[in-house]
PDB file of N, CA and C in Angstrom:
ATOM      1  N   MET A   1      -9.810  -0.429 -19.069  1.00  0.00           N
ATOM      2  CA  MET A   1     -10.885  -1.365 -18.844  1.00  0.00           C
ATOM      3  C   MET A   1     -10.856  -1.777 -17.389  1.00  0.00           C
ATOM      4  N   LEU A   2     -11.979  -1.685 -16.708  1.00  0.00           N
ATOM      5  CA  LEU A   2     -12.096  -2.105 -15.330  1.00  0.00           C
ATOM      6  C   LEU A   2     -13.051  -3.279 -15.280  1.00  0.00           C
ATOM      7  N   SER A   3     -12.643  -4.355 -14.620  1.00  0.00           N
ATOM      8  CA  SER A   3     -13.449  -5.564 -14.507  1.00  0.00           C
ATOM      9  C   SER A   3     -13.805  -5.793 -13.051  1.00  0.00           C
ATOM     10  N   LEU A   4     -15.110  -5.880 -12.751  1.00  0.00           N
ATOM     11  CA  LEU A   4     -15.555  -6.197 -11.401  1.00  0.00           C
ATOM     12  C   LEU A   4     -15.688  -7.702 -11.281  1.00  0.00           C
ATOM     13  N   ASN A   5     -15.100  -8.276 -10.236  1.00  0.00           N
ATOM     14  CA  ASN A   5     -15.112  -9.724 -10.059  1.00  0.00           C
ATOM     15  C   ASN A   5     -15.531 -10.091  -8.651  1.00  0.00           C
ATOM     16  N   ALA A   6     -16.395 -11.092  -8.577  1.00  0.00           N
ATOM     17  CA  ALA A   6     -16.801 -11.651  -7.295  1.00  0.00           C
ATOM     18  C   ALA A   6     -16.142 -13.007  -7.144  1.00  0.00           C
ATOM     19  N   ALA A   7     -16.020 -13.441  -5.899  1.00  0.00           N
ATOM     20  CA  ALA A   7     -15.517 -14.793  -5.668  1.00  0.00           C
ATOM     21  C   ALA A   7     -16.490 -15.749  -6.335  1.00  0.00           C
ATOM     22  N   CYS A   8     -15.959 -16.696  -7.028  1.00  0.00           N
ATOM     23  CA  CYS A   8     -16.836 -17.564  -7.779  1.00  0.00           C
ATOM     24  C   CYS A   8     -16.225 -18.950  -7.833  1.00  0.00           C
ATOM     25  N   ARG A   9     -17.079 -19.935  -7.879  1.00  0.00           N
ATOM     26  CA  ARG A   9     -16.635 -21.328  -7.903  1.00  0.00           C
ATOM     27  C   ARG A   9     -17.421 -22.080  -8.963  1.00  0.00           C
ATOM     28  N   GLY A  10     -16.851 -23.160  -9.429  1.00  0.00           N
ATOM     29  CA  GLY A  10     -17.568 -24.018 -10.361  1.00  0.00           C
ATOM     30  C   GLY A  10     -17.264 -23.703 -11.809  1.00  0.00           C
ATOM     31  N   ASN A  11     -18.007 -24.364 -12.687  1.00  0.00           N
ATOM     32  CA  ASN A  11     -17.772 -24.261 -14.123  1.00  0.00           C
ATOM     33  C   ASN A  11     -18.196 -22.923 -14.713  1.00  0.00           C
ATOM     34  N   ALA A  12     -19.037 -22.181 -14.020  1.00  0.00           N
ATOM     35  CA  ALA A  12     -19.506 -20.895 -14.558  1.00  0.00           C
ATOM     36  C   ALA A  12     -18.437 -19.812 -14.463  1.00  0.00           C
ATOM     37  N   CYS A  13     -17.415 -20.030 -13.653  1.00  0.00           N
ATOM     38  CA  CYS A  13     -16.365 -19.023 -13.455  1.00  0.00           C
ATOM     39  C   CYS A  13     -15.372 -19.036 -14.599  1.00  0.00           C
ATOM     40  N   LYS A  14     -14.961 -17.853 -14.979  1.00  0.00           N
ATOM     41  CA  LYS A  14     -13.922 -17.728 -16.003  1.00  0.00           C
ATOM     42  C   LYS A  14     -12.640 -17.288 -15.318  1.00  0.00           C
ATOM     43  N   PRO A  15     -11.510 -17.828 -15.733  1.00  0.00           N
ATOM     44  CA  PRO A  15     -10.239 -17.393 -15.138  1.00  0.00           C
ATOM     45  C   PRO A  15      -9.995 -15.906 -15.401  1.00  0.00           C
ATOM     46  N   LEU A  16      -9.388 -15.239 -14.433  1.00  0.00           N
ATOM     47  CA  LEU A  16      -9.071 -13.826 -14.595  1.00  0.00           C
ATOM     48  C   LEU A  16      -8.164 -13.603 -15.797  1.00  0.00           C
ATOM     49  N   SER A  17      -7.369 -14.613 -16.132  1.00  0.00           N
ATOM     50  CA  SER A  17      -6.474 -14.481 -17.285  1.00  0.00           C
ATOM     51  C   SER A  17      -7.256 -14.288 -18.589  1.00  0.00           C
ATOM     52  N   ASN A  18      -8.494 -14.777 -18.652  1.00  0.00           N
ATOM     53  CA  ASN A  18      -9.326 -14.549 -19.847  1.00  0.00           C
ATOM     54  C   ASN A  18      -9.557 -13.050 -20.057  1.00  0.00           C
ATOM     55  N   PHE A  19      -9.810 -12.346 -18.954  1.00  0.00           N
ATOM     56  CA  PHE A  19     -10.058 -10.913 -19.043  1.00  0.00           C
ATOM     57  C   PHE A  19      -8.772 -10.177 -19.413  1.00  0.00           C
ATOM     58  N   GLN A  20      -7.653 -10.636 -18.845  1.00  0.00           N
ATOM     59  CA  GLN A  20      -6.355 -10.047 -19.171  1.00  0.00           C
ATOM     60  C   GLN A  20      -6.042 -10.236 -20.651  1.00  0.00           C
ATOM     61  N   GLN A  21      -6.304 -11.413 -21.160  1.00  0.00           N
ATOM     62  CA  GLN A  21      -6.047 -11.693 -22.573  1.00  0.00           C
ATOM     63  C   GLN A  21      -6.917 -10.809 -23.460  1.00  0.00           C
ATOM     64  N   TYR A  22      -8.187 -10.675 -23.120  1.00  0.00           N
ATOM     65  CA  TYR A  22      -9.085  -9.814 -23.888  1.00  0.00           C
ATOM     66  C   TYR A  22      -8.542  -8.379 -23.920  1.00  0.00           C
ATOM     67  N   ALA A  23      -8.101  -7.907 -22.757  1.00  0.00           N
ATOM     68  CA  ALA A  23      -7.571  -6.540 -22.679  1.00  0.00           C
ATOM     69  C   ALA A  23      -6.344  -6.387 -23.571  1.00  0.00           C
ATOM     70  N   GLN A  24      -5.437  -7.328 -23.501  1.00  0.00           N
ATOM     71  CA  GLN A  24      -4.220  -7.246 -24.317  1.00  0.00           C
ATOM     72  C   GLN A  24      -4.542  -7.291 -25.801  1.00  0.00           C
ATOM     73  N   GLU A  25      -5.436  -8.169 -26.202  1.00  0.00           N
ATOM     74  CA  GLU A  25      -5.780  -8.313 -27.617  1.00  0.00           C
ATOM     75  C   GLU A  25      -6.483  -7.079 -28.168  1.00  0.00           C
ATOM     76  N   ASN A  26      -7.106  -6.299 -27.281  1.00  0.00           N
ATOM     77  CA  ASN A  26      -7.866  -5.136 -27.727  1.00  0.00           C
ATOM     78  C   ASN A  26      -7.231  -3.809 -27.335  1.00  0.00           C
ATOM     79  N   GLY A  27      -5.991  -3.857 -26.864  1.00  0.00           N
ATOM     80  CA  GLY A  27      -5.251  -2.644 -26.571  1.00  0.00           C
ATOM     81  C   GLY A  27      -5.665  -1.912 -25.314  1.00  0.00           C
ATOM     82  N   TYR A  28      -6.228  -2.628 -24.344  1.00  0.00           N
ATOM     83  CA  TYR A  28      -6.654  -2.014 -23.091  1.00  0.00           C
ATOM     84  C   TYR A  28      -5.663  -2.322 -21.978  1.00  0.00           C
ATOM     85  N   THR A  29      -5.614  -1.465 -20.986  1.00  0.00           N
ATOM     86  CA  THR A  29      -4.995  -1.761 -19.706  1.00  0.00           C
ATOM     87  C   THR A  29      -6.133  -2.212 -18.806  1.00  0.00           C
ATOM     88  N   ILE A  30      -5.939  -3.317 -18.089  1.00  0.00           N
ATOM     89  CA  ILE A  30      -7.032  -3.835 -17.259  1.00  0.00           C
ATOM     90  C   ILE A  30      -6.771  -3.578 -15.792  1.00  0.00           C
ATOM     91  N   TYR A  31      -7.829  -3.252 -15.087  1.00  0.00           N
ATOM     92  CA  TYR A  31      -7.809  -3.093 -13.639  1.00  0.00           C
ATOM     93  C   TYR A  31      -8.853  -4.061 -13.094  1.00  0.00           C
ATOM     94  N   GLN A  32      -8.399  -5.114 -12.457  1.00  0.00           N
ATOM     95  CA  GLN A  32      -9.298  -6.119 -11.888  1.00  0.00           C
ATOM     96  C   GLN A  32      -9.693  -5.663 -10.490  1.00  0.00           C
ATOM     97  N   VAL A  33     -10.980  -5.489 -10.245  1.00  0.00           N
ATOM     98  CA  VAL A  33     -11.473  -5.042  -8.946  1.00  0.00           C
ATOM     99  C   VAL A  33     -12.330  -6.146  -8.355  1.00  0.00           C
ATOM    100  N   MET A  34     -11.884  -6.667  -7.226  1.00  0.00           N
ATOM    101  CA  MET A  34     -12.641  -7.691  -6.512  1.00  0.00           C
ATOM    102  C   MET A  34     -13.728  -6.998  -5.693  1.00  0.00           C
ATOM    103  N   ILE A  35     -14.867  -7.653  -5.598  1.00  0.00           N
ATOM    104  CA  ILE A  35     -15.988  -7.086  -4.859  1.00  0.00           C
ATOM    105  C   ILE A  35     -15.790  -7.270  -3.356  1.00  0.00           C
ATOM    106  N   SER A  36     -15.090  -8.340  -2.976  1.00  0.00           N
ATOM    107  CA  SER A  36     -14.797  -8.582  -1.562  1.00  0.00           C
ATOM    108  C   SER A  36     -13.509  -9.394  -1.458  1.00  0.00           C
ATOM    109  N   TYR A  37     -13.094  -9.661  -0.236  1.00  0.00           N
ATOM    110  CA  TYR A  37     -11.893 -10.463  -0.010  1.00  0.00           C
ATOM    111  C   TYR A  37     -12.177 -11.962  -0.115  1.00  0.00           C
ATOM    112  N   ALA A  38     -13.418 -12.346  -0.191  1.00  0.00           N
ATOM    113  CA  ALA A  38     -13.775 -13.763  -0.329  1.00  0.00           C
ATOM    114  C   ALA A  38     -13.188 -14.302  -1.629  1.00  0.00           C
ATOM    115  N   GLY A  39     -12.516 -15.435  -1.540  1.00  0.00           N
ATOM    116  CA  GLY A  39     -11.917 -16.044  -2.719  1.00  0.00           C
ATOM    117  C   GLY A  39     -10.644 -15.357  -3.179  1.00  0.00           C
ATOM    118  N   MET A  40     -10.084 -14.492  -2.344  1.00  0.00           N
ATOM    119  CA  MET A  40      -8.911 -13.721  -2.743  1.00  0.00           C
ATOM    120  C   MET A  40      -7.707 -14.616  -3.030  1.00  0.00           C
ATOM    121  N   GLU A  41      -7.533 -15.690  -2.255  1.00  0.00           N
ATOM    122  CA  GLU A  41      -6.388 -16.583  -2.502  1.00  0.00           C
ATOM    123  C   GLU A  41      -6.427 -17.130  -3.924  1.00  0.00           C
ATOM    124  N   ASN A  42      -7.600 -17.541  -4.362  1.00  0.00           N
ATOM    125  CA  ASN A  42      -7.753 -18.056  -5.720  1.00  0.00           C
ATOM    126  C   ASN A  42      -7.453 -16.961  -6.743  1.00  0.00           C
ATOM    127  N   ALA A  43      -7.950 -15.775  -6.490  1.00  0.00           N
ATOM    128  CA  ALA A  43      -7.714 -14.656  -7.418  1.00  0.00           C
ATOM    129  C   ALA A  43      -6.233 -14.308  -7.481  1.00  0.00           C
ATOM    130  N   ILE A  44      -5.576 -14.261  -6.331  1.00  0.00           N
ATOM    131  CA  ILE A  44      -4.152 -13.927  -6.298  1.00  0.00           C
ATOM    132  C   ILE A  44      -3.339 -14.960  -7.068  1.00  0.00           C
ATOM    133  N   SER A  45      -3.712 -16.217  -6.950  1.00  0.00           N
ATOM    134  CA  SER A  45      -2.971 -17.261  -7.664  1.00  0.00           C
ATOM    135  C   SER A  45      -3.089 -17.107  -9.178  1.00  0.00           C
ATOM    136  N   GLN A  46      -4.147 -16.459  -9.641  1.00  0.00           N
ATOM    137  CA  GLN A  46      -4.351 -16.255 -11.070  1.00  0.00           C
ATOM    138  C   GLN A  46      -3.749 -14.938 -11.565  1.00  0.00           C
ATOM    139  N   ALA A  47      -3.501 -14.024 -10.661  1.00  0.00           N
ATOM    140  CA  ALA A  47      -3.106 -12.662 -11.029  1.00  0.00           C
ATOM    141  C   ALA A  47      -1.596 -12.497 -10.968  1.00  0.00           C
ATOM    142  N   LYS A  48      -0.893 -13.235 -11.777  1.00  0.00           N
ATOM    143  CA  LYS A  48       0.561 -13.169 -11.756  1.00  0.00           C
ATOM    144  C   LYS A  48       1.100 -11.977 -12.549  1.00  0.00           C
ATOM    145  N   ASP A  49       0.365 -11.521 -13.541  1.00  0.00           N
ATOM    146  CA  ASP A  49       0.865 -10.471 -14.430  1.00  0.00           C
ATOM    147  C   ASP A  49       0.093  -9.156 -14.339  1.00  0.00           C
ATOM    148  N   PHE A  50      -0.789  -9.050 -13.381  1.00  0.00           N
ATOM    149  CA  PHE A  50      -1.563  -7.817 -13.248  1.00  0.00           C
ATOM    150  C   PHE A  50      -1.987  -7.637 -11.795  1.00  0.00           C
ATOM    151  N   PRO A  51      -2.183  -6.387 -11.374  1.00  0.00           N
ATOM    152  CA  PRO A  51      -2.579  -6.135  -9.985  1.00  0.00           C
ATOM    153  C   PRO A  51      -4.060  -6.425  -9.759  1.00  0.00           C
ATOM    154  N   LEU A  52      -4.398  -6.696  -8.521  1.00  0.00           N
ATOM    155  CA  LEU A  52      -5.793  -6.842  -8.107  1.00  0.00           C
ATOM    156  C   LEU A  52      -6.127  -5.706  -7.148  1.00  0.00           C
ATOM    157  N   PHE A  53      -7.324  -5.223  -7.246  1.00  0.00           N
ATOM    158  CA  PHE A  53      -7.823  -4.200  -6.331  1.00  0.00           C
ATOM    159  C   PHE A  53      -9.087  -4.750  -5.670  1.00  0.00           C
ATOM    160  N   VAL A  54      -9.431  -4.203  -4.515  1.00  0.00           N
ATOM    161  CA  VAL A  54     -10.640  -4.615  -3.796  1.00  0.00           C
ATOM    162  C   VAL A  54     -11.389  -3.353  -3.389  1.00  0.00           C
ATOM    163  N   ILE A  55     -12.708  -3.387  -3.507  1.00  0.00           N
ATOM    164  CA  ILE A  55     -13.528  -2.259  -3.064  1.00  0.00           C
ATOM    165  C   ILE A  55     -13.365  -2.118  -1.549  1.00  0.00           C
ATOM    166  N   ASP A  56     -13.107  -0.907  -1.099  1.00  0.00           N
ATOM    167  CA  ASP A  56     -12.921  -0.620   0.318  1.00  0.00           C
ATOM    168  C   ASP A  56     -14.275  -0.295   0.949  1.00  0.00           C
ATOM    169  N   ASN A  57     -14.881  -1.298   1.568  1.00  0.00           N
ATOM    170  CA  ASN A  57     -16.208  -1.071   2.136  1.00  0.00           C
ATOM    171  C   ASN A  57     -16.166  -0.071   3.298  1.00  0.00           C
ATOM    172  N   ASP A  58     -15.024   0.074   3.964  1.00  0.00           N
ATOM    173  CA  ASP A  58     -14.916   1.065   5.041  1.00  0.00           C
ATOM    174  C   ASP A  58     -15.111   2.481   4.496  1.00  0.00           C
ATOM    175  N   TYR A  59     -14.627   2.719   3.298  1.00  0.00           N
ATOM    176  CA  TYR A  59     -14.800   4.031   2.669  1.00  0.00           C
ATOM    177  C   TYR A  59     -16.287   4.369   2.544  1.00  0.00           C
ATOM    178  N   TYR A  60     -17.093   3.343   2.258  1.00  0.00           N
ATOM    179  CA  TYR A  60     -18.533   3.544   2.077  1.00  0.00           C
ATOM    180  C   TYR A  60     -19.314   3.393   3.377  1.00  0.00           C
ATOM    181  N   LYS A  61     -18.587   3.133   4.463  1.00  0.00           N
ATOM    182  CA  LYS A  61     -19.172   3.046   5.808  1.00  0.00           C
ATOM    183  C   LYS A  61     -20.285   2.004   5.915  1.00  0.00           C
ATOM    184  N   THR A  62     -20.073   0.863   5.235  1.00  0.00           N
ATOM    185  CA  THR A  62     -21.016  -0.243   5.334  1.00  0.00           C
ATOM    186  C   THR A  62     -20.296  -1.546   5.034  1.00  0.00           C
ATOM    187  N   SER A  63     -20.731  -2.602   5.702  1.00  0.00           N
ATOM    188  CA  SER A  63     -20.187  -3.927   5.399  1.00  0.00           C
ATOM    189  C   SER A  63     -21.161  -4.727   4.536  1.00  0.00           C
ATOM    190  N   LEU A  64     -22.272  -4.116   4.155  1.00  0.00           N
ATOM    191  CA  LEU A  64     -23.268  -4.782   3.316  1.00  0.00           C
ATOM    192  C   LEU A  64     -22.813  -4.739   1.861  1.00  0.00           C
ATOM    193  N   GLN A  65     -22.450  -5.894   1.330  1.00  0.00           N
ATOM    194  CA  GLN A  65     -21.883  -5.957  -0.014  1.00  0.00           C
ATOM    195  C   GLN A  65     -22.771  -5.328  -1.085  1.00  0.00           C
ATOM    196  N   PRO A  66     -24.063  -5.646  -1.123  1.00  0.00           N
ATOM    197  CA  PRO A  66     -24.879  -5.017  -2.177  1.00  0.00           C
ATOM    198  C   PRO A  66     -24.865  -3.489  -2.104  1.00  0.00           C
ATOM    199  N   LEU A  67     -24.782  -2.959  -0.891  1.00  0.00           N
ATOM    200  CA  LEU A  67     -24.811  -1.511  -0.732  1.00  0.00           C
ATOM    201  C   LEU A  67     -23.490  -0.877  -1.172  1.00  0.00           C
ATOM    202  N   TYR A  68     -22.347  -1.393  -0.688  1.00  0.00           N
ATOM    203  CA  TYR A  68     -21.085  -0.771  -1.093  1.00  0.00           C
ATOM    204  C   TYR A  68     -20.773  -1.030  -2.556  1.00  0.00           C
ATOM    205  N   LEU A  69     -21.240  -2.140  -3.109  1.00  0.00           N
ATOM    206  CA  LEU A  69     -21.064  -2.381  -4.547  1.00  0.00           C
ATOM    207  C   LEU A  69     -21.863  -1.363  -5.350  1.00  0.00           C
ATOM    208  N   ARG A  70     -23.080  -1.077  -4.925  1.00  0.00           N
ATOM    209  CA  ARG A  70     -23.911  -0.077  -5.615  1.00  0.00           C
ATOM    210  C   ARG A  70     -23.270   1.306  -5.515  1.00  0.00           C
ATOM    211  N   TYR A  71     -22.788   1.663  -4.334  1.00  0.00           N
ATOM    212  CA  TYR A  71     -22.141   2.968  -4.170  1.00  0.00           C
ATOM    213  C   TYR A  71     -20.921   3.083  -5.084  1.00  0.00           C
ATOM    214  N   PHE A  72     -20.110   2.027  -5.099  1.00  0.00           N
ATOM    215  CA  PHE A  72     -18.896   2.026  -5.920  1.00  0.00           C
ATOM    216  C   PHE A  72     -19.235   2.169  -7.401  1.00  0.00           C
ATOM    217  N   THR A  73     -20.153   1.350  -7.891  1.00  0.00           N
ATOM    218  CA  THR A  73     -20.469   1.395  -9.321  1.00  0.00           C
ATOM    219  C   THR A  73     -21.166   2.701  -9.693  1.00  0.00           C
ATOM    220  N   ASN A  74     -21.989   3.232  -8.798  1.00  0.00           N
ATOM    221  CA  ASN A  74     -22.615   4.529  -9.076  1.00  0.00           C
ATOM    222  C   ASN A  74     -21.550   5.602  -9.267  1.00  0.00           C
ATOM    223  N   GLU A  75     -20.588   5.646  -8.365  1.00  0.00           N
ATOM    224  CA  GLU A  75     -19.526   6.642  -8.486  1.00  0.00           C
ATOM    225  C   GLU A  75     -18.676   6.399  -9.727  1.00  0.00           C
ATOM    226  N   LEU A  76     -18.454   5.127 -10.050  1.00  0.00           N
ATOM    227  CA  LEU A  76     -17.648   4.765 -11.214  1.00  0.00           C
ATOM    228  C   LEU A  76     -18.247   5.320 -12.507  1.00  0.00           C
ATOM    229  N   VAL A  77     -19.575   5.274 -12.608  1.00  0.00           N
ATOM    230  CA  VAL A  77     -20.239   5.729 -13.843  1.00  0.00           C
ATOM    231  C   VAL A  77     -20.718   7.173 -13.765  1.00  0.00           C
ATOM    232  N   GLY A  78     -20.386   7.874 -12.671  1.00  0.00           N
ATOM    233  CA  GLY A  78     -20.702   9.288 -12.575  1.00  0.00           C
ATOM    234  C   GLY A  78     -22.072   9.625 -12.016  1.00  0.00           C
ATOM    235  N   LEU A  79     -22.689   8.666 -11.338  1.00  0.00           N
ATOM    236  CA  LEU A  79     -23.992   8.924 -10.720  1.00  0.00           C
ATOM    237  C   LEU A  79     -23.797   9.282  -9.246  1.00  0.00           C
ATOM    238  N   PRO A  80     -24.759   9.964  -8.647  1.00  0.00           N
ATOM    239  CA  PRO A  80     -24.679  10.173  -7.204  1.00  0.00           C
ATOM    240  C   PRO A  80     -24.607   8.828  -6.481  1.00  0.00           C
ATOM    241  N   ARG A  81     -23.801   8.775  -5.440  1.00  0.00           N
ATOM    242  CA  ARG A  81     -23.533   7.521  -4.735  1.00  0.00           C
ATOM    243  C   ARG A  81     -24.793   6.750  -4.374  1.00  0.00           C
ATOM    244  N   GLU A  82     -25.796   7.409  -3.848  1.00  0.00           N
ATOM    245  CA  GLU A  82     -26.954   6.706  -3.312  1.00  0.00           C
ATOM    246  C   GLU A  82     -28.065   6.458  -4.335  1.00  0.00           C
ATOM    247  N   THR A  83     -27.776   6.633  -5.617  1.00  0.00           N
ATOM    248  CA  THR A  83     -28.761   6.336  -6.659  1.00  0.00           C
ATOM    249  C   THR A  83     -29.224   4.885  -6.516  1.00  0.00           C
ATOM    250  N   LYS A  84     -30.524   4.667  -6.532  1.00  0.00           N
ATOM    251  CA  LYS A  84     -31.094   3.318  -6.398  1.00  0.00           C
ATOM    252  C   LYS A  84     -30.882   2.529  -7.696  1.00  0.00           C
ATOM    253  N   GLU A  85     -30.755   1.211  -7.561  1.00  0.00           N
ATOM    254  CA  GLU A  85     -30.538   0.355  -8.740  1.00  0.00           C
ATOM    255  C   GLU A  85     -31.594   0.574  -9.803  1.00  0.00           C
ATOM    256  N   ARG A  86     -32.831   0.733  -9.397  1.00  0.00           N
ATOM    257  CA  ARG A  86     -33.928   0.897 -10.361  1.00  0.00           C
ATOM    258  C   ARG A  86     -33.795   2.182 -11.175  1.00  0.00           C
ATOM    259  N   ASP A  87     -33.012   3.133 -10.665  1.00  0.00           N
ATOM    260  CA  ASP A  87     -32.854   4.421 -11.337  1.00  0.00           C
ATOM    261  C   ASP A  87     -31.590   4.517 -12.184  1.00  0.00           C
ATOM    262  N   VAL A  88     -30.803   3.439 -12.225  1.00  0.00           N
ATOM    263  CA  VAL A  88     -29.574   3.433 -13.017  1.00  0.00           C
ATOM    264  C   VAL A  88     -29.931   3.059 -14.458  1.00  0.00           C
ATOM    265  N   PRO A  89     -29.574   3.884 -15.423  1.00  0.00           N
ATOM    266  CA  PRO A  89     -29.879   3.546 -16.824  1.00  0.00           C
ATOM    267  C   PRO A  89     -29.247   2.209 -17.213  1.00  0.00           C
ATOM    268  N   GLU A  90     -29.968   1.425 -17.974  1.00  0.00           N
ATOM    269  CA  GLU A  90     -29.533   0.081 -18.373  1.00  0.00           C
ATOM    270  C   GLU A  90     -28.145   0.082 -19.015  1.00  0.00           C
ATOM    271  N   GLU A  91     -27.829   1.119 -19.780  1.00  0.00           N
ATOM    272  CA  GLU A  91     -26.535   1.160 -20.467  1.00  0.00           C
ATOM    273  C   GLU A  91     -25.361   1.382 -19.506  1.00  0.00           C
ATOM    274  N   LEU A  92     -25.645   1.639 -18.234  1.00  0.00           N
ATOM    275  CA  LEU A  92     -24.589   1.815 -17.234  1.00  0.00           C
ATOM    276  C   LEU A  92     -24.449   0.616 -16.299  1.00  0.00           C
ATOM    277  N   VAL A  93     -25.133  -0.478 -16.616  1.00  0.00           N
ATOM    278  CA  VAL A  93     -25.105  -1.674 -15.773  1.00  0.00           C
ATOM    279  C   VAL A  93     -24.257  -2.740 -16.451  1.00  0.00           C
ATOM    280  N   GLY A  94     -23.293  -3.286 -15.717  1.00  0.00           N
ATOM    281  CA  GLY A  94     -22.469  -4.344 -16.282  1.00  0.00           C
ATOM    282  C   GLY A  94     -21.335  -4.747 -15.360  1.00  0.00           C
ATOM    283  N   GLN A  95     -20.446  -5.546 -15.892  1.00  0.00           N
ATOM    284  CA  GLN A  95     -19.291  -6.042 -15.154  1.00  0.00           C
ATOM    285  C   GLN A  95     -17.990  -5.440 -15.675  1.00  0.00           C
ATOM    286  N   PHE A  96     -18.013  -4.940 -16.910  1.00  0.00           N
ATOM    287  CA  PHE A  96     -16.808  -4.420 -17.545  1.00  0.00           C
ATOM    288  C   PHE A  96     -17.034  -2.963 -17.925  1.00  0.00           C
ATOM    289  N   TYR A  97     -16.147  -2.099 -17.433  1.00  0.00           N
ATOM    290  CA  TYR A  97     -16.271  -0.662 -17.634  1.00  0.00           C
ATOM    291  C   TYR A  97     -15.077  -0.188 -18.442  1.00  0.00           C
ATOM    292  N   PHE A  98     -15.336   0.481 -19.541  1.00  0.00           N
ATOM    293  CA  PHE A  98     -14.286   0.932 -20.446  1.00  0.00           C
ATOM    294  C   PHE A  98     -14.167   2.452 -20.369  1.00  0.00           C
ATOM    295  N   PHE A  99     -12.920   2.910 -20.230  1.00  0.00           N
ATOM    296  CA  PHE A  99     -12.631   4.334 -20.098  1.00  0.00           C
ATOM    297  C   PHE A  99     -11.598   4.744 -21.124  1.00  0.00           C
ATOM    298  N   GLU A 100     -11.719   5.975 -21.578  1.00  0.00           N
ATOM    299  CA  GLU A 100     -10.703   6.560 -22.443  1.00  0.00           C
ATOM    300  C   GLU A 100     -10.427   7.963 -21.921  1.00  0.00           C
ATOM    301  N   ASN A 101      -9.169   8.226 -21.607  1.00  0.00           N
ATOM    302  CA  ASN A 101      -8.772   9.518 -21.039  1.00  0.00           C
ATOM    303  C   ASN A 101      -9.603   9.877 -19.811  1.00  0.00           C
ATOM    304  N   GLY A 102      -9.900   8.877 -18.988  1.00  0.00           N
ATOM    305  CA  GLY A 102     -10.633   9.109 -17.753  1.00  0.00           C
ATOM    306  C   GLY A 102     -12.137   9.230 -17.903  1.00  0.00           C
ATOM    307  N   CYS A 103     -12.648   9.077 -19.116  1.00  0.00           N
ATOM    308  CA  CYS A 103     -14.089   9.197 -19.347  1.00  0.00           C
ATOM    309  C   CYS A 103     -14.672   7.827 -19.693  1.00  0.00           C
ATOM    310  N   LEU A 104     -15.782   7.516 -19.079  1.00  0.00           N
ATOM    311  CA  LEU A 104     -16.473   6.254 -19.357  1.00  0.00           C
ATOM    312  C   LEU A 104     -16.968   6.263 -20.791  1.00  0.00           C
ATOM    313  N   THR A 105     -16.621   5.199 -21.547  1.00  0.00           N
ATOM    314  CA  THR A 105     -17.044   5.124 -22.942  1.00  0.00           C
ATOM    315  C   THR A 105     -18.017   3.982 -23.200  1.00  0.00           C
ATOM    316  N   GLU A 106     -17.974   2.945 -22.356  1.00  0.00           N
ATOM    317  CA  GLU A 106     -18.827   1.782 -22.611  1.00  0.00           C
ATOM    318  C   GLU A 106     -18.904   0.913 -21.360  1.00  0.00           C
ATOM    319  N   VAL A 107     -20.036   0.233 -21.200  1.00  0.00           N
ATOM    320  CA  VAL A 107     -20.219  -0.743 -20.121  1.00  0.00           C
ATOM    321  C   VAL A 107     -20.743  -2.015 -20.764  1.00  0.00           C
ATOM    322  N   LYS A 108     -20.129  -3.140 -20.429  1.00  0.00           N
ATOM    323  CA  LYS A 108     -20.565  -4.428 -20.956  1.00  0.00           C
ATOM    324  C   LYS A 108     -20.759  -5.404 -19.807  1.00  0.00           C
ATOM    325  N   ASP A 109     -21.690  -6.324 -20.000  1.00  0.00           N
ATOM    326  CA  ASP A 109     -21.875  -7.376 -19.006  1.00  0.00           C
ATOM    327  C   ASP A 109     -21.077  -8.612 -19.401  1.00  0.00           C
ATOM    328  N   GLU A 110     -20.770  -8.749 -20.671  1.00  0.00           N
ATOM    329  CA  GLU A 110     -19.986  -9.887 -21.172  1.00  0.00           C
ATOM    330  C   GLU A 110     -18.967  -9.377 -22.177  1.00  0.00           C
ATOM    331  N   LEU A 111     -17.868 -10.112 -22.287  1.00  0.00           N
ATOM    332  CA  LEU A 111     -16.864  -9.746 -23.282  1.00  0.00           C
ATOM    333  C   LEU A 111     -17.032 -10.597 -24.525  1.00  0.00           C
TER     334      LEU A 111
END
């Protein structure tokens, strides 16, 4: 299970441990991927039992977050990198990506 996370503040944010707990209860290994370094201190303080990863915008040769996030998620779900958002099938849009034996099996926006 791969979870994409943005820096977030306020009551709408869920602790990263919620995602870890969901993964453990459902037999998944979780990979938390931060969208940027913003809010990383807060994320690190929550990530005591699991690693955090960050999308490498240099790899995508852009510092524009919406663009490198789109490139990353397109590649994650097996689409060509530059596929436009409007052309991504709805079933491939979400925050949580589930894989089995390296193959994408499900995408969810909420757990």
